[in-house]
Amino acid sequence: MNNQENTLITVVAPTVRDGGGWVTRRLLRLNCIDNYVARGTSYINKLTYAIFGLLALPFLHPIFTRYIPIKILLNRDKDIYLNFSQTFGGSCFKKNCTLICHDLQCHRPYLFIKWARWSERYLLNKADKVQVLSLRDAKIVHRYYGVPYSNIHNIWKDITFNLNQCQFNFDGPIECAVFLGSLDRFENHEGILWFVDKVLPFCPLLKVKIVGSVTSAAMIKHSQLEYLGFVEDINSVISESDLMIAPMFSSAGIKIKVIESIERKLPVLGTKQAYSGFFMRNSGFCSNEPRKWIDTINKGGLYIFNQD
């Protein structure tokens, strides 16, 4: 009789209501996990694990050693899934770990970036298996880090099982859009700044509702922006919107807000980075050119999404 258990070690619990929690919930279903352990959310808890990681694995960049629950890792009767880069240092204590990559750290401007890239290469090649969330990341893990394709599993379609083909025809001008995401995050703030500067001045009838936390320092004041803060029933906001805007310019990971919007049958006007992992070919709704955004908002167009 095989008593082996699958355990997910994660820095973000499935109960957390953000993109990280969303992926964790789907991973629990996908990998048939028996149980999971999550790092606590308190500052003391995070600091304790961060200090332990620095002391235990000083040769690794600290982004990879922020959550290493030794007691779980040393249990030989458990198959371990390490979820998020902050847990990857655990593979130094446990053989046959599966590493689940959300955002490859080679994309991010860390201090000592060469050290971070070396650490990521070391850990990804040490793992028994590597799960990635897009074909693009699979190629990077193989070509940039040298991990054999036989050890890489792209789980994109497994976690986006609710995506279905949809088609909408818009008559311009579009008057109501929504943005999902906290402006306290740099990539969201950067995207909205670009939109306000490059697109919004040429779309006078458009109103944009921003859902997510925002501090006074991060708030962008504009008469066409409305801040809703945290919304308990996101479906009510989506049902009143014509589309979701996703002016994202970070190449890292997949954009959960795009997936959730399309699952709810809400078309997305986004950049190429926002559609990372998708096979989106409609340039009117997938472009980094402000002019195409302006034309789509003011004149409308045909939105077609097909997962295949």
Protein backbone atom coordinates (compact mmCIF):
# COMPACT_ATOMS: atom_id res chain seq x y z
CA MET A 1 0.00 0.00 0.00
CA ASN A 2 1.35 3.44 -0.95
CA ASN A 3 0.98 5.94 1.90
CA GLN A 4 2.78 8.72 0.07
CA GLU A 5 1.20 12.15 0.47
CA ASN A 6 1.35 15.23 -1.72
CA THR A 7 2.02 18.44 0.22
CA LEU A 8 2.00 21.97 -1.18
CA ILE A 9 4.29 24.49 0.53
CA THR A 10 3.17 28.01 -0.36
CA VAL A 11 3.75 31.60 0.71
CA VAL A 12 0.20 32.51 -0.34
CA ALA A 13 -2.68 30.50 1.13
CA PRO A 14 -5.70 29.59 -1.01
CA THR A 15 -7.86 31.77 1.22
CA VAL A 16 -6.03 34.93 0.13
CA ARG A 17 -8.14 36.98 -2.27
CA ASP A 18 -5.58 38.00 -4.84
CA GLY A 19 -3.88 36.53 -7.90
CA GLY A 20 -1.55 34.39 -5.79
CA GLY A 21 -4.45 32.89 -3.84
CA TRP A 22 -6.32 32.25 -7.10
CA VAL A 23 -3.45 30.20 -8.55
CA THR A 24 -2.93 28.34 -5.26
CA ARG A 25 -6.58 27.24 -5.26
CA ARG A 26 -6.29 25.90 -8.78
CA LEU A 27 -3.01 24.15 -8.02
CA LEU A 28 -4.61 22.31 -5.12
CA ARG A 29 -7.17 20.92 -7.54
CA LEU A 30 -4.75 20.25 -10.38
CA ASN A 31 -2.09 18.36 -8.43
CA CYS A 32 -4.52 16.44 -6.19
CA ILE A 33 -2.80 17.81 -3.10
CA ASP A 34 -3.54 15.99 0.16
CA ASN A 35 -2.64 18.98 2.31
CA TYR A 36 -0.83 22.29 2.25
CA VAL A 37 1.16 24.50 4.59
CA ALA A 38 1.25 28.28 4.15
CA ARG A 39 3.49 30.92 5.63
CA GLY A 40 1.67 33.15 8.08
CA THR A 41 0.83 36.72 7.16
CA SER A 42 2.24 38.43 10.27
CA TYR A 43 5.38 40.53 9.94
CA ILE A 44 7.12 38.59 12.73
CA ASN A 45 6.36 35.29 10.99
CA LYS A 46 7.75 36.52 7.67
CA LEU A 47 10.83 38.02 9.32
CA THR A 48 11.57 34.82 11.26
CA TYR A 49 11.49 32.67 8.13
CA ALA A 50 13.52 35.24 6.15
CA ILE A 51 16.29 35.26 8.79
CA PHE A 52 16.30 31.47 8.99
CA GLY A 53 16.60 31.24 5.20
CA LEU A 54 19.56 33.63 5.17
CA LEU A 55 21.35 31.57 7.81
CA ALA A 56 20.49 28.16 6.37
CA LEU A 57 21.25 28.89 2.70
CA PRO A 58 23.54 31.95 2.56
CA PHE A 59 24.78 31.08 -0.95
CA LEU A 60 21.30 31.61 -2.46
CA HIS A 61 19.70 34.96 -3.24
CA PRO A 62 17.27 35.65 -0.34
CA ILE A 63 14.23 35.84 -2.63
CA PHE A 64 14.39 32.02 -2.78
CA THR A 65 14.75 31.34 0.96
CA ARG A 66 11.87 33.20 2.57
CA TYR A 67 9.81 30.17 3.53
CA ILE A 68 11.55 26.89 4.37
CA PRO A 69 9.51 24.76 6.82
CA ILE A 70 12.20 22.19 7.62
CA LYS A 71 9.93 19.84 9.57
CA ILE A 72 7.71 19.30 6.53
CA LEU A 73 10.59 19.06 4.07
CA LEU A 74 12.40 16.37 6.03
CA ASN A 75 9.34 14.09 6.13
CA ARG A 76 10.26 11.27 3.74
CA ASP A 77 6.63 10.19 3.31
CA LYS A 78 5.66 13.37 1.50
CA ASP A 79 5.98 14.45 -2.13
CA ILE A 80 6.56 18.19 -2.03
CA TYR A 81 5.32 20.94 -4.33
CA LEU A 82 7.07 24.28 -3.75
CA ASN A 83 4.74 27.10 -4.75
CA PHE A 84 6.26 30.56 -5.50
CA SER A 85 9.97 31.37 -5.78
CA GLN A 86 10.20 32.26 -2.07
CA THR A 87 9.90 28.54 -1.24
CA PHE A 88 12.37 27.17 -3.80
CA GLY A 89 15.27 26.99 -1.33
CA GLY A 90 13.41 24.09 0.25
CA SER A 91 14.59 21.87 -2.61
CA CYS A 92 18.03 21.88 -0.97
CA PHE A 93 16.54 19.85 1.91
CA LYS A 94 14.20 17.56 -0.01
CA LYS A 95 14.82 15.42 -3.08
CA ASN A 96 12.26 15.08 -5.86
CA CYS A 97 10.54 18.42 -5.29
CA THR A 98 8.31 20.02 -7.91
CA LEU A 99 8.88 23.76 -8.28
CA ILE A 100 5.92 25.85 -9.45
CA CYS A 101 7.05 29.05 -11.21
CA HIS A 102 4.66 31.99 -11.15
CA ASP A 103 7.03 34.82 -12.04
CA LEU A 104 10.51 33.95 -13.25
CA GLN A 105 12.80 36.16 -11.23
CA CYS A 106 15.15 36.81 -14.15
CA HIS A 107 12.56 39.38 -15.30
CA ARG A 108 12.74 41.48 -12.16
CA PRO A 109 15.21 44.28 -11.33
CA TYR A 110 16.58 42.86 -8.06
CA LEU A 111 19.70 44.03 -6.34
CA PHE A 112 22.46 41.61 -7.27
CA ILE A 113 20.44 40.38 -10.25
CA LYS A 114 23.26 38.09 -11.44
CA TRP A 115 23.13 36.34 -8.08
CA ALA A 116 19.34 35.97 -8.37
CA ARG A 117 19.65 34.48 -11.87
CA TRP A 118 22.39 32.10 -10.78
CA SER A 119 20.25 30.99 -7.82
CA GLU A 120 17.21 30.47 -10.02
CA ARG A 121 19.22 28.41 -12.50
CA TYR A 122 20.67 26.29 -9.70
CA LEU A 123 17.31 25.58 -8.08
CA LEU A 124 15.36 24.91 -11.29
CA ASN A 125 17.98 22.41 -12.42
CA LYS A 126 18.02 20.79 -9.00
CA ALA A 127 14.28 20.11 -9.07
CA ASP A 128 12.78 16.83 -10.19
CA LYS A 129 10.04 18.73 -12.07
CA VAL A 130 9.28 22.35 -12.93
CA GLN A 131 5.73 23.55 -13.53
CA VAL A 132 5.27 26.82 -15.46
CA LEU A 133 2.15 28.83 -16.23
CA SER A 134 2.82 29.70 -19.86
CA LEU A 135 4.56 28.45 -23.00
CA ARG A 136 6.75 31.54 -22.92
CA ASP A 137 8.05 30.67 -19.45
CA ALA A 138 8.63 27.05 -20.53
CA LYS A 139 10.87 28.30 -23.33
CA ILE A 140 12.80 30.59 -20.98
CA VAL A 141 13.32 27.84 -18.40
CA HIS A 142 14.68 25.59 -21.13
CA ARG A 143 16.70 28.03 -23.26
CA TYR A 144 17.91 30.48 -20.61
CA TYR A 145 18.36 28.11 -17.68
CA GLY A 146 19.05 24.88 -19.54
CA VAL A 147 16.35 22.75 -17.88
CA PRO A 148 15.44 19.77 -20.12
CA TYR A 149 11.95 19.95 -21.64
CA SER A 150 11.32 16.51 -20.17
CA ASN A 151 11.41 18.10 -16.70
CA ILE A 152 9.14 21.05 -17.63
CA HIS A 153 5.34 20.89 -17.53
CA ASN A 154 3.31 23.81 -18.85
CA ILE A 155 0.09 23.84 -16.80
CA TRP A 156 -1.48 26.83 -18.59
CA LYS A 157 -4.52 24.98 -19.95
CA ASP A 158 -4.92 23.00 -16.73
CA ILE A 159 -5.45 26.14 -14.65
CA THR A 160 -7.51 27.98 -17.28
CA PHE A 161 -10.11 25.25 -17.73
CA ASN A 162 -12.97 27.78 -17.43
CA LEU A 163 -11.89 29.74 -20.50
CA ASN A 164 -14.22 29.32 -23.44
CA GLN A 165 -14.40 30.85 -26.88
CA CYS A 166 -16.32 34.11 -26.96
CA GLN A 167 -17.07 36.87 -29.44
CA PHE A 168 -18.40 40.41 -28.97
CA ASN A 169 -19.04 43.19 -31.45
CA PHE A 170 -18.68 46.71 -30.04
CA ASP A 171 -20.24 49.85 -31.42
CA GLY A 172 -18.15 52.82 -30.38
CA PRO A 173 -17.62 54.79 -28.40
CA ILE A 174 -17.17 52.54 -25.36
CA GLU A 175 -18.24 54.44 -22.26
CA CYS A 176 -17.64 52.16 -19.25
CA ALA A 177 -14.50 50.13 -18.49
CA VAL A 178 -13.06 48.56 -15.35
CA PHE A 179 -9.51 48.02 -14.13
CA LEU A 180 -8.88 45.22 -11.62
CA GLY A 181 -5.85 45.63 -9.39
CA SER A 182 -4.30 47.60 -6.56
CA LEU A 183 -2.51 50.76 -7.63
CA ASP A 184 -0.17 50.22 -4.69
CA ARG A 185 1.57 47.62 -6.89
CA PHE A 186 4.18 49.17 -9.17
CA GLU A 187 3.15 47.34 -12.34
CA ASN A 188 -0.51 48.40 -11.94
CA HIS A 189 0.39 52.00 -11.18
CA GLU A 190 2.76 52.10 -14.15
CA GLY A 191 0.06 50.76 -16.46
CA ILE A 192 -2.62 53.23 -15.39
CA LEU A 193 -0.18 56.13 -15.69
CA TRP A 194 0.51 55.09 -19.29
CA PHE A 195 -3.22 54.80 -19.99
CA VAL A 196 -4.02 58.21 -18.47
CA ASP A 197 -1.18 59.86 -20.37
CA LYS A 198 -1.39 58.14 -23.76
CA VAL A 199 -5.02 57.04 -24.19
CA LEU A 200 -7.55 58.70 -21.89
CA PRO A 201 -7.13 62.30 -23.21
CA PHE A 202 -8.43 61.09 -26.59
CA CYS A 203 -11.44 59.19 -25.18
CA PRO A 204 -13.58 61.88 -23.55
CA LEU A 205 -16.68 59.71 -23.07
CA LEU A 206 -14.91 56.84 -21.29
CA LYS A 207 -15.27 56.32 -17.54
CA VAL A 208 -12.93 53.83 -15.83
CA LYS A 209 -13.76 52.14 -12.52
CA ILE A 210 -10.70 51.00 -10.58
CA VAL A 211 -11.24 48.06 -8.24
CA GLY A 212 -8.53 47.44 -5.65
CA SER A 213 -6.77 49.08 -2.74
CA VAL A 214 -4.99 52.37 -3.29
CA THR A 215 -3.15 54.72 -0.94
CA SER A 216 -3.38 58.47 -1.30
CA ALA A 217 0.20 58.51 -2.58
CA ALA A 218 -0.60 56.05 -5.38
CA MET A 219 -3.92 57.59 -6.39
CA ILE A 220 -3.95 59.20 -9.84
CA LYS A 221 -6.43 62.04 -9.82
CA HIS A 222 -8.46 62.31 -13.02
CA SER A 223 -12.10 63.18 -13.64
CA GLN A 224 -12.61 60.03 -15.75
CA LEU A 225 -11.29 57.66 -13.07
CA GLU A 226 -13.51 56.34 -10.27
CA TYR A 227 -11.97 54.46 -7.33
CA LEU A 228 -14.15 51.73 -5.84
CA GLY A 229 -11.59 50.21 -3.46
CA PHE A 230 -12.16 46.62 -2.37
CA VAL A 231 -15.40 45.22 -3.80
CA GLU A 232 -17.09 42.23 -2.19
CA ASP A 233 -19.18 41.38 -5.26
CA ILE A 234 -16.90 41.86 -8.26
CA ASN A 235 -19.52 40.37 -10.59
CA SER A 236 -21.80 43.36 -10.05
CA VAL A 237 -19.06 45.72 -11.27
CA ILE A 238 -18.21 43.51 -14.23
CA SER A 239 -21.84 43.24 -15.30
CA GLU A 240 -22.03 47.05 -15.55
CA SER A 241 -18.80 47.33 -17.61
CA ASP A 242 -18.28 47.03 -21.34
CA LEU A 243 -14.73 45.77 -21.04
CA MET A 244 -11.71 45.48 -18.78
CA ILE A 245 -8.55 47.42 -19.53
CA ALA A 246 -5.17 45.79 -18.84
CA PRO A 247 -2.31 48.19 -19.62
CA MET A 248 0.38 45.88 -18.23
CA PHE A 249 4.06 46.06 -19.20
CA SER A 250 5.68 43.48 -16.94
CA SER A 251 6.80 40.35 -18.79
CA ALA A 252 6.69 38.22 -15.66
CA GLY A 253 4.08 35.51 -15.21
CA ILE A 254 0.50 35.44 -16.42
CA LYS A 255 -2.08 38.10 -15.64
CA ILE A 256 -4.80 36.59 -13.46
CA LYS A 257 -7.07 39.62 -13.91
CA VAL A 258 -7.21 38.89 -17.65
CA ILE A 259 -8.11 35.24 -17.10
CA GLU A 260 -10.82 36.08 -14.56
CA SER A 261 -12.35 38.72 -16.80
CA ILE A 262 -12.57 36.45 -19.84
CA GLU A 263 -13.98 33.64 -17.65
CA ARG A 264 -16.75 36.09 -16.72
CA LYS A 265 -17.32 36.87 -20.42
CA LEU A 266 -15.88 40.38 -20.06
CA PRO A 267 -13.67 41.31 -23.04
CA VAL A 268 -10.20 42.65 -22.27
CA LEU A 269 -8.42 45.52 -23.98
CA GLY A 270 -4.80 44.80 -23.09
CA THR A 271 -1.15 45.04 -24.00
CA LYS A 272 0.84 42.15 -25.41
CA GLN A 273 2.25 41.52 -21.93
CA ALA A 274 -1.26 41.38 -20.48
CA TYR A 275 -2.05 38.54 -22.87
CA SER A 276 1.14 36.63 -22.05
CA GLY A 277 0.34 32.93 -22.33
CA PHE A 278 -2.71 33.51 -24.56
CA PHE A 279 -3.00 32.93 -28.28
CA MET A 280 -4.55 36.34 -28.87
CA ARG A 281 -4.33 37.58 -32.44
CA ASN A 282 -6.80 40.50 -32.55
CA SER A 283 -4.50 43.54 -32.67
CA GLY A 284 -7.35 45.90 -31.88
CA PHE A 285 -7.67 44.43 -28.39
CA CYS A 286 -4.06 43.25 -27.92
CA SER A 287 -1.59 46.01 -28.65
CA ASN A 288 1.03 48.27 -27.09
CA GLU A 289 0.19 51.10 -29.49
CA PRO A 290 -1.89 53.90 -27.92
CA ARG A 291 -3.51 54.68 -31.28
CA LYS A 292 -5.05 51.21 -31.51
CA TRP A 293 -6.41 51.53 -27.97
CA ILE A 294 -7.92 54.93 -28.84
CA ASP A 295 -9.48 53.65 -32.05
CA THR A 296 -10.97 50.60 -30.33
CA ILE A 297 -12.49 52.66 -27.50
CA ASN A 298 -13.89 55.35 -29.80
CA LYS A 299 -14.90 53.28 -32.81
CA GLY A 300 -15.54 49.84 -31.32
CA GLY A 301 -14.60 46.61 -33.04
CA LEU A 302 -14.89 42.84 -33.02
CA TYR A 303 -13.46 40.99 -30.00
CA ILE A 304 -12.73 37.32 -30.59
CA PHE A 305 -11.18 35.04 -27.98
CA ASN A 306 -10.25 31.44 -28.69
CA GLN A 307 -8.17 29.39 -26.27
CA ASP A 308 -6.80 27.15 -29.04
